[in-house]
N, C-alpha and C. Protein backbone atom coordinates (compact mmCIF):
# COMPACT_ATOMS: atom_id res chain seq x y z
N MET A 1 113.41 88.68 75.53
CA MET A 1 112.31 88.21 76.34
C MET A 1 112.30 86.69 76.34
N THR A 2 112.23 86.13 77.54
CA THR A 2 112.23 84.68 77.68
C THR A 2 110.91 84.13 78.17
N GLY A 3 110.02 84.99 78.62
CA GLY A 3 108.74 84.53 79.15
C GLY A 3 108.88 83.88 80.52
N ARG A 4 109.94 84.20 81.23
CA ARG A 4 110.20 83.58 82.54
C ARG A 4 109.09 83.82 83.54
N LEU A 5 108.31 84.87 83.37
CA LEU A 5 107.27 85.20 84.34
C LEU A 5 105.86 84.92 83.81
N LYS A 6 105.77 84.19 82.72
CA LYS A 6 104.46 83.85 82.14
C LYS A 6 103.61 83.15 83.20
N ASP A 7 102.36 83.56 83.29
CA ASP A 7 101.39 83.01 84.24
C ASP A 7 101.70 83.33 85.70
N LYS A 8 102.60 84.26 85.94
CA LYS A 8 102.90 84.71 87.30
C LYS A 8 102.23 86.06 87.53
N VAL A 9 101.87 86.34 88.77
CA VAL A 9 101.26 87.61 89.14
C VAL A 9 102.29 88.42 89.92
N ALA A 10 102.41 89.69 89.58
CA ALA A 10 103.35 90.57 90.28
C ALA A 10 102.65 91.86 90.67
N LEU A 11 102.75 92.19 91.93
CA LEU A 11 102.30 93.48 92.45
C LEU A 11 103.54 94.35 92.55
N ILE A 12 103.60 95.40 91.74
CA ILE A 12 104.76 96.29 91.73
C ILE A 12 104.39 97.57 92.47
N VAL A 13 105.07 97.82 93.58
CA VAL A 13 104.83 99.01 94.40
C VAL A 13 105.83 100.09 93.99
N ALA A 14 105.41 101.34 94.02
CA ALA A 14 106.23 102.48 93.57
C ALA A 14 106.50 102.37 92.07
N ALA A 15 105.46 101.98 91.34
CA ALA A 15 105.58 101.69 89.91
C ALA A 15 105.34 102.89 89.00
N ALA A 16 105.07 104.05 89.54
CA ALA A 16 104.71 105.21 88.72
C ALA A 16 105.85 105.72 87.87
N ARG A 17 107.06 105.65 88.38
CA ARG A 17 108.21 106.20 87.66
C ARG A 17 109.49 105.56 88.18
N GLY A 18 110.59 105.88 87.55
CA GLY A 18 111.90 105.46 88.02
C GLY A 18 112.11 103.95 88.01
N ILE A 19 112.76 103.46 89.05
CA ILE A 19 113.09 102.04 89.13
C ILE A 19 111.83 101.18 89.13
N GLY A 20 110.81 101.59 89.87
CA GLY A 20 109.57 100.82 89.90
C GLY A 20 108.94 100.68 88.53
N LYS A 21 108.94 101.76 87.76
CA LYS A 21 108.40 101.70 86.40
C LYS A 21 109.27 100.78 85.54
N GLY A 22 110.58 100.88 85.70
CA GLY A 22 111.48 100.01 84.94
C GLY A 22 111.23 98.54 85.25
N ILE A 23 111.01 98.23 86.52
CA ILE A 23 110.71 96.85 86.90
C ILE A 23 109.39 96.41 86.27
N ALA A 24 108.38 97.28 86.31
CA ALA A 24 107.09 96.94 85.71
C ALA A 24 107.23 96.66 84.22
N LEU A 25 107.98 97.50 83.52
CA LEU A 25 108.18 97.30 82.09
C LEU A 25 108.87 95.96 81.82
N ARG A 26 109.89 95.65 82.59
CA ARG A 26 110.62 94.40 82.39
C ARG A 26 109.77 93.19 82.72
N PHE A 27 109.04 93.25 83.82
CA PHE A 27 108.17 92.13 84.18
C PHE A 27 107.11 91.91 83.10
N ALA A 28 106.58 92.99 82.55
CA ALA A 28 105.60 92.86 81.46
C ALA A 28 106.23 92.19 80.25
N GLU A 29 107.46 92.56 79.93
CA GLU A 29 108.17 91.93 78.81
C GLU A 29 108.35 90.44 79.05
N GLU A 30 108.50 90.06 80.30
CA GLU A 30 108.71 88.65 80.65
C GLU A 30 107.40 87.89 80.82
N GLY A 31 106.26 88.55 80.59
CA GLY A 31 104.98 87.86 80.57
C GLY A 31 104.19 87.85 81.86
N ALA A 32 104.61 88.60 82.86
CA ALA A 32 103.89 88.62 84.13
C ALA A 32 102.55 89.34 84.00
N ARG A 33 101.59 88.92 84.79
CA ARG A 33 100.33 89.64 84.94
C ARG A 33 100.55 90.63 86.07
N LEU A 34 100.39 91.92 85.78
CA LEU A 34 100.78 92.97 86.72
C LEU A 34 99.61 93.70 87.34
N VAL A 35 99.84 94.16 88.56
CA VAL A 35 99.04 95.19 89.20
C VAL A 35 100.04 96.21 89.69
N LEU A 36 99.84 97.47 89.33
CA LEU A 36 100.76 98.53 89.73
C LEU A 36 100.17 99.34 90.87
N ALA A 37 101.02 99.72 91.81
CA ALA A 37 100.59 100.50 92.97
C ALA A 37 101.55 101.65 93.21
N ASP A 38 101.00 102.78 93.64
CA ASP A 38 101.83 103.95 93.93
C ASP A 38 100.96 104.98 94.62
N THR A 39 101.59 105.95 95.25
CA THR A 39 100.85 107.08 95.84
C THR A 39 100.60 108.16 94.80
N GLU A 40 101.36 108.16 93.72
CA GLU A 40 101.23 109.17 92.66
C GLU A 40 100.22 108.68 91.62
N VAL A 41 99.00 109.17 91.73
CA VAL A 41 97.90 108.66 90.93
C VAL A 41 98.10 108.92 89.43
N GLU A 42 98.36 110.16 89.04
CA GLU A 42 98.47 110.46 87.60
C GLU A 42 99.57 109.66 86.93
N ALA A 43 100.75 109.68 87.51
CA ALA A 43 101.88 108.95 86.92
C ALA A 43 101.63 107.45 86.96
N GLY A 44 101.05 106.96 88.04
CA GLY A 44 100.75 105.53 88.16
C GLY A 44 99.74 105.08 87.12
N GLN A 45 98.68 105.87 86.94
CA GLN A 45 97.68 105.54 85.93
C GLN A 45 98.27 105.59 84.53
N ALA A 46 99.18 106.52 84.30
CA ALA A 46 99.82 106.62 82.98
C ALA A 46 100.66 105.38 82.70
N THR A 47 101.44 104.95 83.67
CA THR A 47 102.25 103.75 83.50
C THR A 47 101.37 102.53 83.31
N ALA A 48 100.33 102.41 84.12
CA ALA A 48 99.40 101.29 83.99
C ALA A 48 98.73 101.30 82.62
N GLY A 49 98.37 102.49 82.15
CA GLY A 49 97.76 102.62 80.83
C GLY A 49 98.70 102.18 79.72
N GLU A 50 99.98 102.51 79.84
CA GLU A 50 100.97 102.08 78.85
C GLU A 50 101.01 100.56 78.74
N LEU A 51 100.84 99.90 79.88
CA LEU A 51 100.97 98.44 79.93
C LEU A 51 99.63 97.72 79.86
N GLY A 52 98.53 98.47 79.97
CA GLY A 52 97.21 97.85 79.93
C GLY A 52 96.93 96.98 81.15
N VAL A 53 97.35 97.48 82.33
CA VAL A 53 97.18 96.72 83.57
C VAL A 53 96.49 97.58 84.61
N PRO A 54 95.96 96.97 85.68
CA PRO A 54 95.30 97.74 86.72
C PRO A 54 96.28 98.56 87.56
N PHE A 55 95.77 99.67 88.09
CA PHE A 55 96.53 100.52 89.00
C PHE A 55 95.69 100.75 90.25
N ILE A 56 96.34 100.77 91.39
CA ILE A 56 95.67 101.11 92.64
C ILE A 56 96.52 102.13 93.39
N ARG A 57 95.86 103.20 93.87
CA ARG A 57 96.59 104.17 94.69
C ARG A 57 96.83 103.51 96.04
N THR A 58 98.08 103.42 96.43
CA THR A 58 98.44 102.70 97.64
C THR A 58 99.55 103.40 98.40
N ASP A 59 99.33 103.56 99.68
CA ASP A 59 100.37 104.00 100.60
C ASP A 59 100.68 102.78 101.46
N ILE A 60 101.77 102.09 101.14
CA ILE A 60 102.03 100.82 101.81
C ILE A 60 102.41 100.97 103.28
N SER A 61 102.54 102.20 103.75
CA SER A 61 102.75 102.38 105.19
C SER A 61 101.45 102.16 105.96
N GLN A 62 100.34 102.09 105.23
CA GLN A 62 99.03 101.81 105.81
C GLN A 62 98.66 100.36 105.52
N MET A 63 98.53 99.54 106.55
CA MET A 63 98.28 98.11 106.37
C MET A 63 97.04 97.84 105.53
N SER A 64 95.96 98.58 105.75
CA SER A 64 94.73 98.33 104.99
C SER A 64 94.93 98.59 103.50
N ALA A 65 95.72 99.59 103.15
CA ALA A 65 96.00 99.88 101.74
C ALA A 65 96.86 98.78 101.14
N ALA A 66 97.84 98.31 101.89
CA ALA A 66 98.68 97.22 101.40
C ALA A 66 97.85 95.97 101.18
N GLU A 67 96.97 95.66 102.11
CA GLU A 67 96.10 94.48 101.98
C GLU A 67 95.18 94.60 100.77
N ALA A 68 94.64 95.79 100.52
CA ALA A 68 93.78 96.00 99.36
C ALA A 68 94.55 95.79 98.06
N SER A 69 95.79 96.20 98.02
CA SER A 69 96.62 96.01 96.83
C SER A 69 96.86 94.53 96.57
N VAL A 70 97.17 93.80 97.61
CA VAL A 70 97.39 92.36 97.47
C VAL A 70 96.10 91.68 97.02
N ALA A 71 94.97 92.06 97.60
CA ALA A 71 93.69 91.47 97.20
C ALA A 71 93.41 91.70 95.73
N LEU A 72 93.68 92.91 95.24
CA LEU A 72 93.47 93.20 93.82
C LEU A 72 94.38 92.34 92.96
N ALA A 73 95.62 92.19 93.36
CA ALA A 73 96.57 91.39 92.59
C ALA A 73 96.14 89.92 92.52
N LEU A 74 95.49 89.44 93.55
CA LEU A 74 95.10 88.02 93.59
C LEU A 74 93.78 87.73 92.90
N GLN A 75 93.07 88.76 92.45
CA GLN A 75 91.79 88.55 91.75
C GLN A 75 92.01 87.94 90.41
């Protein structure tokens, strides 16, 4: 861990499992402040719980949902 992402905000989409979860774990290791988003609520909340970060159910094919995710990340 180098802390390369310290004080940076990252919105990770499709973060519930697989590559998205792997990215979230790595970004957390690097010090990023995360918001996780996914359509899979249970798995997304579980991943967010592991990292102690917010989760939002998001279908990024819907502009309003994508905008809400970005707004949460910027809070």
